[in-house]
mmCIF file of all heavy atoms, coordinates in Angstrom:
data_MODEL
# 
_entry.id   MODEL 
# 
loop_
_atom_site.group_PDB 
_atom_site.id 
_atom_site.type_symbol 
_atom_site.label_atom_id 
_atom_site.label_alt_id 
_atom_site.label_comp_id 
_atom_site.label_asym_id 
_atom_site.label_entity_id 
_atom_site.label_seq_id 
_atom_site.pdbx_PDB_ins_code 
_atom_site.Cartn_x 
_atom_site.Cartn_y 
_atom_site.Cartn_z 
_atom_site.occupancy 
_atom_site.B_iso_or_equiv 
_atom_site.pdbx_formal_charge 
_atom_site.auth_seq_id 
_atom_site.auth_comp_id 
_atom_site.auth_asym_id 
_atom_site.auth_atom_id 
_atom_site.pdbx_PDB_model_num 
ATOM 1   N N   . ARG A 1 1  ? -7.182 -3.766  -17.139 1.00 0.00 ? 1  ARG A N   1 
ATOM 2   C CA  . ARG A 1 1  ? -6.656 -5.015  -17.692 1.00 0.00 ? 1  ARG A CA  1 
ATOM 3   C C   . ARG A 1 1  ? -6.877 -6.195  -16.745 1.00 0.00 ? 1  ARG A C   1 
ATOM 4   O O   . ARG A 1 1  ? -6.459 -7.304  -17.035 1.00 0.00 ? 1  ARG A O   1 
ATOM 5   C CB  . ARG A 1 1  ? -5.140 -4.877  -17.947 1.00 0.00 ? 1  ARG A CB  1 
ATOM 6   C CG  . ARG A 1 1  ? -4.776 -3.820  -18.969 1.00 0.00 ? 1  ARG A CG  1 
ATOM 7   C CD  . ARG A 1 1  ? -3.266 -3.688  -19.051 1.00 0.00 ? 1  ARG A CD  1 
ATOM 8   N NE  . ARG A 1 1  ? -2.888 -2.632  -19.972 1.00 0.00 ? 1  ARG A NE  1 
ATOM 9   C CZ  . ARG A 1 1  ? -2.675 -2.810  -21.259 1.00 0.00 ? 1  ARG A CZ  1 
ATOM 10  N NH1 . ARG A 1 1  ? -2.843 -4.007  -21.791 1.00 0.00 ? 1  ARG A NH1 1 
ATOM 11  N NH2 . ARG A 1 1  ? -2.307 -1.802  -22.029 1.00 0.00 ? 1  ARG A NH2 1 
ATOM 12  N N   . GLY A 1 2  ? -7.491 -5.947  -15.590 1.00 0.00 ? 2  GLY A N   1 
ATOM 13  C CA  . GLY A 1 2  ? -7.663 -7.024  -14.637 1.00 0.00 ? 2  GLY A CA  1 
ATOM 14  C C   . GLY A 1 2  ? -6.521 -7.054  -13.644 1.00 0.00 ? 2  GLY A C   1 
ATOM 15  O O   . GLY A 1 2  ? -5.685 -6.163  -13.601 1.00 0.00 ? 2  GLY A O   1 
ATOM 16  N N   . ALA A 1 3  ? -6.472 -8.114  -12.848 1.00 0.00 ? 3  ALA A N   1 
ATOM 17  C CA  . ALA A 1 3  ? -5.494 -8.205  -11.781 1.00 0.00 ? 3  ALA A CA  1 
ATOM 18  C C   . ALA A 1 3  ? -4.104 -8.468  -12.342 1.00 0.00 ? 3  ALA A C   1 
ATOM 19  O O   . ALA A 1 3  ? -3.943 -9.134  -13.352 1.00 0.00 ? 3  ALA A O   1 
ATOM 20  C CB  . ALA A 1 3  ? -5.877 -9.314  -10.806 1.00 0.00 ? 3  ALA A CB  1 
ATOM 21  N N   . ILE A 1 4  ? -3.117 -7.961  -11.645 1.00 0.00 ? 4  ILE A N   1 
ATOM 22  C CA  . ILE A 1 4  ? -1.734 -8.220  -12.020 1.00 0.00 ? 4  ILE A CA  1 
ATOM 23  C C   . ILE A 1 4  ? -1.369 -9.653  -11.649 1.00 0.00 ? 4  ILE A C   1 
ATOM 24  O O   . ILE A 1 4  ? -1.957 -10.243 -10.740 1.00 0.00 ? 4  ILE A O   1 
ATOM 25  C CB  . ILE A 1 4  ? -0.796 -7.218  -11.317 1.00 0.00 ? 4  ILE A CB  1 
ATOM 26  C CG1 . ILE A 1 4  ? 0.599  -7.303  -11.911 1.00 0.00 ? 4  ILE A CG1 1 
ATOM 27  C CG2 . ILE A 1 4  ? -0.767 -7.426  -9.833  1.00 0.00 ? 4  ILE A CG2 1 
ATOM 28  C CD1 . ILE A 1 4  ? 1.516  -6.208  -11.430 1.00 0.00 ? 4  ILE A CD1 1 
ATOM 29  N N   . ARG A 1 5  ? -0.404 -10.218 -12.338 1.00 0.00 ? 5  ARG A N   1 
ATOM 30  C CA  . ARG A 1 5  ? 0.001  -11.615 -12.151 1.00 0.00 ? 5  ARG A CA  1 
ATOM 31  C C   . ARG A 1 5  ? 0.374  -11.927 -10.707 1.00 0.00 ? 5  ARG A C   1 
ATOM 32  O O   . ARG A 1 5  ? -0.162 -12.827 -10.089 1.00 0.00 ? 5  ARG A O   1 
ATOM 33  C CB  . ARG A 1 5  ? 1.193  -11.957 -13.052 1.00 0.00 ? 5  ARG A CB  1 
ATOM 34  C CG  . ARG A 1 5  ? 2.325  -10.961 -12.949 1.00 0.00 ? 5  ARG A CG  1 
ATOM 35  C CD  . ARG A 1 5  ? 3.445  -11.232 -13.919 1.00 0.00 ? 5  ARG A CD  1 
ATOM 36  N NE  . ARG A 1 5  ? 4.195  -12.425 -13.610 1.00 0.00 ? 5  ARG A NE  1 
ATOM 37  C CZ  . ARG A 1 5  ? 5.053  -12.535 -12.625 1.00 0.00 ? 5  ARG A CZ  1 
ATOM 38  N NH1 . ARG A 1 5  ? 5.260  -11.495 -11.820 1.00 0.00 ? 5  ARG A NH1 1 
ATOM 39  N NH2 . ARG A 1 5  ? 5.711  -13.639 -12.417 1.00 0.00 ? 5  ARG A NH2 1 
ATOM 40  N N   . ASN A 1 6  ? 1.331  -11.202 -10.139 1.00 0.00 ? 6  ASN A N   1 
ATOM 41  C CA  . ASN A 1 6  ? 1.799  -11.423 -8.773  1.00 0.00 ? 6  ASN A CA  1 
ATOM 42  C C   . ASN A 1 6  ? 2.304  -10.122 -8.196  1.00 0.00 ? 6  ASN A C   1 
ATOM 43  O O   . ASN A 1 6  ? 3.317  -9.624  -8.668  1.00 0.00 ? 6  ASN A O   1 
ATOM 44  C CB  . ASN A 1 6  ? 2.960  -12.429 -8.736  1.00 0.00 ? 6  ASN A CB  1 
ATOM 45  C CG  . ASN A 1 6  ? 2.489  -13.858 -8.773  1.00 0.00 ? 6  ASN A CG  1 
ATOM 46  O OD1 . ASN A 1 6  ? 1.544  -14.211 -8.094  1.00 0.00 ? 6  ASN A OD1 1 
ATOM 47  N ND2 . ASN A 1 6  ? 3.131  -14.664 -9.600  1.00 0.00 ? 6  ASN A ND2 1 
ATOM 48  N N   . PRO A 1 7  ? 1.632  -9.553  -7.206  1.00 0.00 ? 7  PRO A N   1 
ATOM 49  C CA  . PRO A 1 7  ? 2.222  -8.389  -6.539  1.00 0.00 ? 7  PRO A CA  1 
ATOM 50  C C   . PRO A 1 7  ? 3.536  -8.799  -5.877  1.00 0.00 ? 7  PRO A C   1 
ATOM 51  O O   . PRO A 1 7  ? 3.747  -9.966  -5.577  1.00 0.00 ? 7  PRO A O   1 
ATOM 52  C CB  . PRO A 1 7  ? 1.169  -8.008  -5.487  1.00 0.00 ? 7  PRO A CB  1 
ATOM 53  C CG  . PRO A 1 7  ? -0.089 -8.672  -5.944  1.00 0.00 ? 7  PRO A CG  1 
ATOM 54  C CD  . PRO A 1 7  ? 0.342  -9.924  -6.656  1.00 0.00 ? 7  PRO A CD  1 
ATOM 55  N N   . ILE A 1 8  ? 4.429  -7.832  -5.662  1.00 0.00 ? 8  ILE A N   1 
ATOM 56  C CA  . ILE A 1 8  ? 5.690  -8.121  -4.975  1.00 0.00 ? 8  ILE A CA  1 
ATOM 57  C C   . ILE A 1 8  ? 5.372  -8.595  -3.555  1.00 0.00 ? 8  ILE A C   1 
ATOM 58  O O   . ILE A 1 8  ? 4.604  -7.955  -2.836  1.00 0.00 ? 8  ILE A O   1 
ATOM 59  C CB  . ILE A 1 8  ? 6.567  -6.850  -4.918  1.00 0.00 ? 8  ILE A CB  1 
ATOM 60  C CG1 . ILE A 1 8  ? 6.977  -6.449  -6.336  1.00 0.00 ? 8  ILE A CG1 1 
ATOM 61  C CG2 . ILE A 1 8  ? 7.799  -7.060  -4.050  1.00 0.00 ? 8  ILE A CG2 1 
ATOM 62  C CD1 . ILE A 1 8  ? 7.902  -7.415  -7.024  1.00 0.00 ? 8  ILE A CD1 1 
ATOM 63  N N   . PRO A 1 9  ? 5.937  -9.755  -3.132  1.00 0.00 ? 9  PRO A N   1 
ATOM 64  C CA  . PRO A 1 9  ? 5.681  -10.223 -1.772  1.00 0.00 ? 9  PRO A CA  1 
ATOM 65  C C   . PRO A 1 9  ? 6.114  -9.191  -0.741  1.00 0.00 ? 9  PRO A C   1 
ATOM 66  O O   . PRO A 1 9  ? 7.088  -8.471  -0.954  1.00 0.00 ? 9  PRO A O   1 
ATOM 67  C CB  . PRO A 1 9  ? 6.558  -11.486 -1.669  1.00 0.00 ? 9  PRO A CB  1 
ATOM 68  C CG  . PRO A 1 9  ? 6.775  -11.916 -3.083  1.00 0.00 ? 9  PRO A CG  1 
ATOM 69  C CD  . PRO A 1 9  ? 6.794  -10.640 -3.889  1.00 0.00 ? 9  PRO A CD  1 
ATOM 70  N N   . PRO A 1 10 ? 5.392  -9.111  0.404   1.00 0.00 ? 10 PRO A N   1 
ATOM 71  C CA  . PRO A 1 10 ? 5.712  -8.100  1.422   1.00 0.00 ? 10 PRO A CA  1 
ATOM 72  C C   . PRO A 1 10 ? 7.165  -8.116  1.854   1.00 0.00 ? 10 PRO A C   1 
ATOM 73  O O   . PRO A 1 10 ? 7.747  -7.071  2.107   1.00 0.00 ? 10 PRO A O   1 
ATOM 74  C CB  . PRO A 1 10 ? 4.787  -8.490  2.585   1.00 0.00 ? 10 PRO A CB  1 
ATOM 75  C CG  . PRO A 1 10 ? 3.624  -9.167  1.927   1.00 0.00 ? 10 PRO A CG  1 
ATOM 76  C CD  . PRO A 1 10 ? 4.211  -9.901  0.752   1.00 0.00 ? 10 PRO A CD  1 
ATOM 77  N N   . ALA A 1 11 ? 7.793  -9.295  1.922   1.00 0.00 ? 11 ALA A N   1 
ATOM 78  C CA  . ALA A 1 11 ? 9.186  -9.371  2.374   1.00 0.00 ? 11 ALA A CA  1 
ATOM 79  C C   . ALA A 1 11 ? 10.144 -8.690  1.430   1.00 0.00 ? 11 ALA A C   1 
ATOM 80  O O   . ALA A 1 11 ? 11.239 -8.300  1.810   1.00 0.00 ? 11 ALA A O   1 
ATOM 81  C CB  . ALA A 1 11 ? 9.601  -10.833 2.545   1.00 0.00 ? 11 ALA A CB  1 
ATOM 82  N N   . GLN A 1 12 ? 9.754  -8.543  0.137   1.00 0.00 ? 12 GLN A N   1 
ATOM 83  C CA  . GLN A 1 12 ? 10.639 -7.935  -0.851  1.00 0.00 ? 12 GLN A CA  1 
ATOM 84  C C   . GLN A 1 12 ? 10.317 -6.472  -1.099  1.00 0.00 ? 12 GLN A C   1 
ATOM 85  O O   . GLN A 1 12 ? 10.958 -5.820  -1.897  1.00 0.00 ? 12 GLN A O   1 
ATOM 86  C CB  . GLN A 1 12 ? 10.540 -8.700  -2.181  1.00 0.00 ? 12 GLN A CB  1 
ATOM 87  C CG  . GLN A 1 12 ? 10.968 -10.149 -2.084  1.00 0.00 ? 12 GLN A CG  1 
ATOM 88  C CD  . GLN A 1 12 ? 10.835 -10.859 -3.415  1.00 0.00 ? 12 GLN A CD  1 
ATOM 89  O OE1 . GLN A 1 12 ? 10.781 -10.225 -4.468  1.00 0.00 ? 12 GLN A OE1 1 
ATOM 90  N NE2 . GLN A 1 12 ? 10.757 -12.177 -3.372  1.00 0.00 ? 12 GLN A NE2 1 
ATOM 91  N N   . GLN A 1 13 ? 9.287  -5.977  -0.449  1.00 0.00 ? 13 GLN A N   1 
ATOM 92  C CA  . GLN A 1 13 ? 8.846  -4.619  -0.726  1.00 0.00 ? 13 GLN A CA  1 
ATOM 93  C C   . GLN A 1 13 ? 9.636  -3.604  0.075   1.00 0.00 ? 13 GLN A C   1 
ATOM 94  O O   . GLN A 1 13 ? 10.045 -3.837  1.203   1.00 0.00 ? 13 GLN A O   1 
ATOM 95  C CB  . GLN A 1 13 ? 7.363  -4.446  -0.374  1.00 0.00 ? 13 GLN A CB  1 
ATOM 96  C CG  . GLN A 1 13 ? 6.426  -5.174  -1.301  1.00 0.00 ? 13 GLN A CG  1 
ATOM 97  C CD  . GLN A 1 13 ? 4.987  -4.931  -0.892  1.00 0.00 ? 13 GLN A CD  1 
ATOM 98  O OE1 . GLN A 1 13 ? 4.700  -3.953  -0.206  1.00 0.00 ? 13 GLN A OE1 1 
ATOM 99  N NE2 . GLN A 1 13 ? 4.103  -5.811  -1.305  1.00 0.00 ? 13 GLN A NE2 1 
ATOM 100 N N   . GLN A 1 14 ? 9.828  -2.446  -0.544  1.00 0.00 ? 14 GLN A N   1 
ATOM 101 C CA  . GLN A 1 14 ? 10.197 -1.241  0.160   1.00 0.00 ? 14 GLN A CA  1 
ATOM 102 C C   . GLN A 1 14 ? 9.011  -0.315  0.005   1.00 0.00 ? 14 GLN A C   1 
ATOM 103 O O   . GLN A 1 14 ? 8.328  -0.360  -1.006  1.00 0.00 ? 14 GLN A O   1 
ATOM 104 C CB  . GLN A 1 14 ? 11.434 -0.593  -0.439  1.00 0.00 ? 14 GLN A CB  1 
ATOM 105 C CG  . GLN A 1 14 ? 12.679 -1.463  -0.333  1.00 0.00 ? 14 GLN A CG  1 
ATOM 106 C CD  . GLN A 1 14 ? 13.860 -0.810  -1.002  1.00 0.00 ? 14 GLN A CD  1 
ATOM 107 O OE1 . GLN A 1 14 ? 13.797 0.354   -1.381  1.00 0.00 ? 14 GLN A OE1 1 
ATOM 108 N NE2 . GLN A 1 14 ? 14.924 -1.544  -1.174  1.00 0.00 ? 14 GLN A NE2 1 
ATOM 109 N N   . GLN A 1 15 ? 8.756  0.473   0.992   1.00 0.00 ? 15 GLN A N   1 
ATOM 110 C CA  . GLN A 1 15 ? 7.603  1.366   0.891   1.00 0.00 ? 15 GLN A CA  1 
ATOM 111 C C   . GLN A 1 15 ? 7.817  2.373   -0.221  1.00 0.00 ? 15 GLN A C   1 
ATOM 112 O O   . GLN A 1 15 ? 8.896  2.938   -0.351  1.00 0.00 ? 15 GLN A O   1 
ATOM 113 C CB  . GLN A 1 15 ? 7.393  2.110   2.223   1.00 0.00 ? 15 GLN A CB  1 
ATOM 114 C CG  . GLN A 1 15 ? 6.932  1.188   3.337   1.00 0.00 ? 15 GLN A CG  1 
ATOM 115 C CD  . GLN A 1 15 ? 5.592  0.559   3.039   1.00 0.00 ? 15 GLN A CD  1 
ATOM 116 O OE1 . GLN A 1 15 ? 4.703  1.232   2.542   1.00 0.00 ? 15 GLN A OE1 1 
ATOM 117 N NE2 . GLN A 1 15 ? 5.467  -0.734  3.304   1.00 0.00 ? 15 GLN A NE2 1 
ATOM 118 N N   . PRO A 1 16 ? 6.780  2.626   -1.066  1.00 0.00 ? 16 PRO A N   1 
ATOM 119 C CA  . PRO A 1 16 ? 6.943  3.606   -2.138  1.00 0.00 ? 16 PRO A CA  1 
ATOM 120 C C   . PRO A 1 16 ? 7.187  4.996   -1.586  1.00 0.00 ? 16 PRO A C   1 
ATOM 121 O O   . PRO A 1 16 ? 6.721  5.334   -0.508  1.00 0.00 ? 16 PRO A O   1 
ATOM 122 C CB  . PRO A 1 16 ? 5.597  3.534   -2.885  1.00 0.00 ? 16 PRO A CB  1 
ATOM 123 C CG  . PRO A 1 16 ? 4.641  2.975   -1.894  1.00 0.00 ? 16 PRO A CG  1 
ATOM 124 C CD  . PRO A 1 16 ? 5.440  2.041   -1.029  1.00 0.00 ? 16 PRO A CD  1 
ATOM 125 N N   . VAL A 1 17 ? 7.930  5.783   -2.321  1.00 0.00 ? 17 VAL A N   1 
ATOM 126 C CA  . VAL A 1 17 ? 8.228  7.154   -1.914  1.00 0.00 ? 17 VAL A CA  1 
ATOM 127 C C   . VAL A 1 17 ? 7.124  8.057   -2.427  1.00 0.00 ? 17 VAL A C   1 
ATOM 128 O O   . VAL A 1 17 ? 6.973  8.227   -3.633  1.00 0.00 ? 17 VAL A O   1 
ATOM 129 C CB  . VAL A 1 17 ? 9.587  7.603   -2.489  1.00 0.00 ? 17 VAL A CB  1 
ATOM 130 C CG1 . VAL A 1 17 ? 9.895  9.019   -2.051  1.00 0.00 ? 17 VAL A CG1 1 
ATOM 131 C CG2 . VAL A 1 17 ? 10.686 6.657   -2.030  1.00 0.00 ? 17 VAL A CG2 1 
ATOM 132 N N   . ALA A 1 18 ? 6.357  8.595   -1.529  1.00 0.00 ? 18 ALA A N   1 
ATOM 133 C CA  . ALA A 1 18 ? 5.235  9.439   -1.939  1.00 0.00 ? 18 ALA A CA  1 
ATOM 134 C C   . ALA A 1 18 ? 5.698  10.866  -2.135  1.00 0.00 ? 18 ALA A C   1 
ATOM 135 O O   . ALA A 1 18 ? 6.456  11.395  -1.328  1.00 0.00 ? 18 ALA A O   1 
ATOM 136 C CB  . ALA A 1 18 ? 4.141  9.401   -0.872  1.00 0.00 ? 18 ALA A CB  1 
ATOM 137 N N   . PRO A 1 19 ? 5.262  11.524  -3.222  1.00 0.00 ? 19 PRO A N   1 
ATOM 138 C CA  . PRO A 1 19 ? 5.615  12.930  -3.418  1.00 0.00 ? 19 PRO A CA  1 
ATOM 139 C C   . PRO A 1 19 ? 5.082  13.772  -2.268  1.00 0.00 ? 19 PRO A C   1 
ATOM 140 O O   . PRO A 1 19 ? 4.021  13.469  -1.725  1.00 0.00 ? 19 PRO A O   1 
ATOM 141 C CB  . PRO A 1 19 ? 4.908  13.290  -4.735  1.00 0.00 ? 19 PRO A CB  1 
ATOM 142 C CG  . PRO A 1 19 ? 4.641  11.982  -5.398  1.00 0.00 ? 19 PRO A CG  1 
ATOM 143 C CD  . PRO A 1 19 ? 4.436  10.992  -4.304  1.00 0.00 ? 19 PRO A CD  1 
ATOM 144 N N   . GLY A 1 20 ? 5.790  14.786  -1.888  1.00 0.00 ? 20 GLY A N   1 
ATOM 145 C CA  . GLY A 1 20 ? 5.242  15.693  -0.891  1.00 0.00 ? 20 GLY A CA  1 
ATOM 146 C C   . GLY A 1 20 ? 6.277  16.248  0.060   1.00 0.00 ? 20 GLY A C   1 
ATOM 147 O O   . GLY A 1 20 ? 6.496  17.457  0.101   1.00 0.00 ? 20 GLY A O   1 
ATOM 148 N N   . PRO A 1 21 ? 6.959  15.380  0.879   1.00 0.00 ? 21 PRO A N   1 
ATOM 149 C CA  . PRO A 1 21 ? 7.871  15.936  1.886   1.00 0.00 ? 21 PRO A CA  1 
ATOM 150 C C   . PRO A 1 21 ? 8.987  16.740  1.252   1.00 0.00 ? 21 PRO A C   1 
ATOM 151 O O   . PRO A 1 21 ? 9.475  16.398  0.185   1.00 0.00 ? 21 PRO A O   1 
ATOM 152 C CB  . PRO A 1 21 ? 8.428  14.676  2.584   1.00 0.00 ? 21 PRO A CB  1 
ATOM 153 C CG  . PRO A 1 21 ? 7.433  13.606  2.309   1.00 0.00 ? 21 PRO A CG  1 
ATOM 154 C CD  . PRO A 1 21 ? 6.855  13.933  0.972   1.00 0.00 ? 21 PRO A CD  1 
ATOM 155 N N   . ALA A 1 22 ? 9.367  17.810  1.914   1.00 0.00 ? 22 ALA A N   1 
ATOM 156 C CA  . ALA A 1 22 ? 10.435 18.667  1.401   1.00 0.00 ? 22 ALA A CA  1 
ATOM 157 C C   . ALA A 1 22 ? 11.738 17.906  1.393   1.00 0.00 ? 22 ALA A C   1 
ATOM 158 O O   . ALA A 1 22 ? 11.970 17.020  2.215   1.00 0.00 ? 22 ALA A O   1 
ATOM 159 C CB  . ALA A 1 22 ? 10.566 19.918  2.284   1.00 0.00 ? 22 ALA A CB  1 
ATOM 160 N N   . ARG A 1 23 ? 12.594 18.246  0.464   1.00 0.00 ? 23 ARG A N   1 
ATOM 161 C CA  . ARG A 1 23 ? 13.890 17.590  0.358   1.00 0.00 ? 23 ARG A CA  1 
ATOM 162 C C   . ARG A 1 23 ? 14.683 17.852  1.635   1.00 0.00 ? 23 ARG A C   1 
ATOM 163 O O   . ARG A 1 23 ? 14.754 18.968  2.124   1.00 0.00 ? 23 ARG A O   1 
ATOM 164 C CB  . ARG A 1 23 ? 14.646 18.150  -0.852  1.00 0.00 ? 23 ARG A CB  1 
ATOM 165 C CG  . ARG A 1 23 ? 15.781 17.262  -1.301  1.00 0.00 ? 23 ARG A CG  1 
ATOM 166 C CD  . ARG A 1 23 ? 16.237 17.665  -2.681  1.00 0.00 ? 23 ARG A CD  1 
ATOM 167 N NE  . ARG A 1 23 ? 17.254 16.756  -3.175  1.00 0.00 ? 23 ARG A NE  1 
ATOM 168 C CZ  . ARG A 1 23 ? 17.003 15.589  -3.709  1.00 0.00 ? 23 ARG A CZ  1 
ATOM 169 N NH1 . ARG A 1 23 ? 15.756 15.193  -3.833  1.00 0.00 ? 23 ARG A NH1 1 
ATOM 170 N NH2 . ARG A 1 23 ? 17.972 14.810  -4.151  1.00 0.00 ? 23 ARG A NH2 1 
ATOM 171 N N   . GLY A 1 24 ? 15.249 16.815  2.179   1.00 0.00 ? 24 GLY A N   1 
ATOM 172 C CA  . GLY A 1 24 ? 15.988 16.969  3.424   1.00 0.00 ? 24 GLY A CA  1 
ATOM 173 C C   . GLY A 1 24 ? 15.251 16.350  4.595   1.00 0.00 ? 24 GLY A C   1 
ATOM 174 O O   . GLY A 1 24 ? 15.841 15.957  5.574   1.00 0.00 ? 24 GLY A O   1 
ATOM 175 N N   . SER A 1 25 ? 13.887 16.238  4.500   1.00 0.00 ? 25 SER A N   1 
ATOM 176 C CA  . SER A 1 25 ? 13.118 15.610  5.563   1.00 0.00 ? 25 SER A CA  1 
ATOM 177 C C   . SER A 1 25 ? 12.884 14.161  5.160   1.00 0.00 ? 25 SER A C   1 
ATOM 178 O O   . SER A 1 25 ? 11.818 13.782  4.746   1.00 0.00 ? 25 SER A O   1 
ATOM 179 C CB  . SER A 1 25 ? 11.784 16.329  5.764   1.00 0.00 ? 25 SER A CB  1 
ATOM 180 O OG  . SER A 1 25 ? 11.043 16.331  4.561   1.00 0.00 ? 25 SER A OG  1 
ATOM 181 N N   . HIS A 1 26 ? 13.946 13.329  5.277   1.00 0.00 ? 26 HIS A N   1 
ATOM 182 C CA  . HIS A 1 26 ? 13.907 11.953  4.787   1.00 0.00 ? 26 HIS A CA  1 
ATOM 183 C C   . HIS A 1 26 ? 12.944 11.102  5.605   1.00 0.00 ? 26 HIS A C   1 
ATOM 184 O O   . HIS A 1 26 ? 12.932 11.130  6.828   1.00 0.00 ? 26 HIS A O   1 
ATOM 185 C CB  . HIS A 1 26 ? 15.301 11.332  4.848   1.00 0.00 ? 26 HIS A CB  1 
ATOM 186 C CG  . HIS A 1 26 ? 16.167 11.778  3.711   1.00 0.00 ? 26 HIS A CG  1 
ATOM 187 N ND1 . HIS A 1 26 ? 15.860 11.504  2.404   1.00 0.00 ? 26 HIS A ND1 1 
ATOM 188 C CD2 . HIS A 1 26 ? 17.327 12.489  3.690   1.00 0.00 ? 26 HIS A CD2 1 
ATOM 189 C CE1 . HIS A 1 26 ? 16.790 12.003  1.619   1.00 0.00 ? 26 HIS A CE1 1 
ATOM 190 N NE2 . HIS A 1 26 ? 17.682 12.612  2.375   1.00 0.00 ? 26 HIS A NE2 1 
ATOM 191 N N   . GLN A 1 27 ? 12.147 10.341  4.909   1.00 0.00 ? 27 GLN A N   1 
ATOM 192 C CA  . GLN A 1 27 ? 11.334 9.299   5.507   1.00 0.00 ? 27 GLN A CA  1 
ATOM 193 C C   . GLN A 1 27 ? 12.101 7.994   5.355   1.00 0.00 ? 27 GLN A C   1 
ATOM 194 O O   . GLN A 1 27 ? 13.035 7.902   4.568   1.00 0.00 ? 27 GLN A O   1 
ATOM 195 C CB  . GLN A 1 27 ? 9.984  9.227   4.778   1.00 0.00 ? 27 GLN A CB  1 
ATOM 196 C CG  . GLN A 1 27 ? 9.203  10.526  4.825   1.00 0.00 ? 27 GLN A CG  1 
ATOM 197 C CD  . GLN A 1 27 ? 8.825  10.918  6.236   1.00 0.00 ? 27 GLN A CD  1 
ATOM 198 O OE1 . GLN A 1 27 ? 8.460  10.060  7.031   1.00 0.00 ? 27 GLN A OE1 1 
ATOM 199 N NE2 . GLN A 1 27 ? 8.931  12.182  6.565   1.00 0.00 ? 27 GLN A NE2 1 
ATOM 200 N N   . PRO A 1 28 ? 11.713 6.908   6.085   1.00 0.00 ? 28 PRO A N   1 
ATOM 201 C CA  . PRO A 1 28 ? 12.409 5.628   5.946   1.00 0.00 ? 28 PRO A CA  1 
ATOM 202 C C   . PRO A 1 28 ? 12.486 5.142   4.514   1.00 0.00 ? 28 PRO A C   1 
ATOM 203 O O   . PRO A 1 28 ? 13.498 4.611   4.075   1.00 0.00 ? 28 PRO A O   1 
ATOM 204 C CB  . PRO A 1 28 ? 11.565 4.691   6.814   1.00 0.00 ? 28 PRO A CB  1 
ATOM 205 C CG  . PRO A 1 28 ? 10.972 5.586   7.848   1.00 0.00 ? 28 PRO A CG  1 
ATOM 206 C CD  . PRO A 1 28 ? 10.718 6.890   7.152   1.00 0.00 ? 28 PRO A CD  1 
# 
């Protein structure tokens, strides 16, 4: 569909939670 209107500015972002780490081994 082309580029998105406005990505979330870096100051408002939280890092996405990537699938993989076992439950209990919390990342930031």
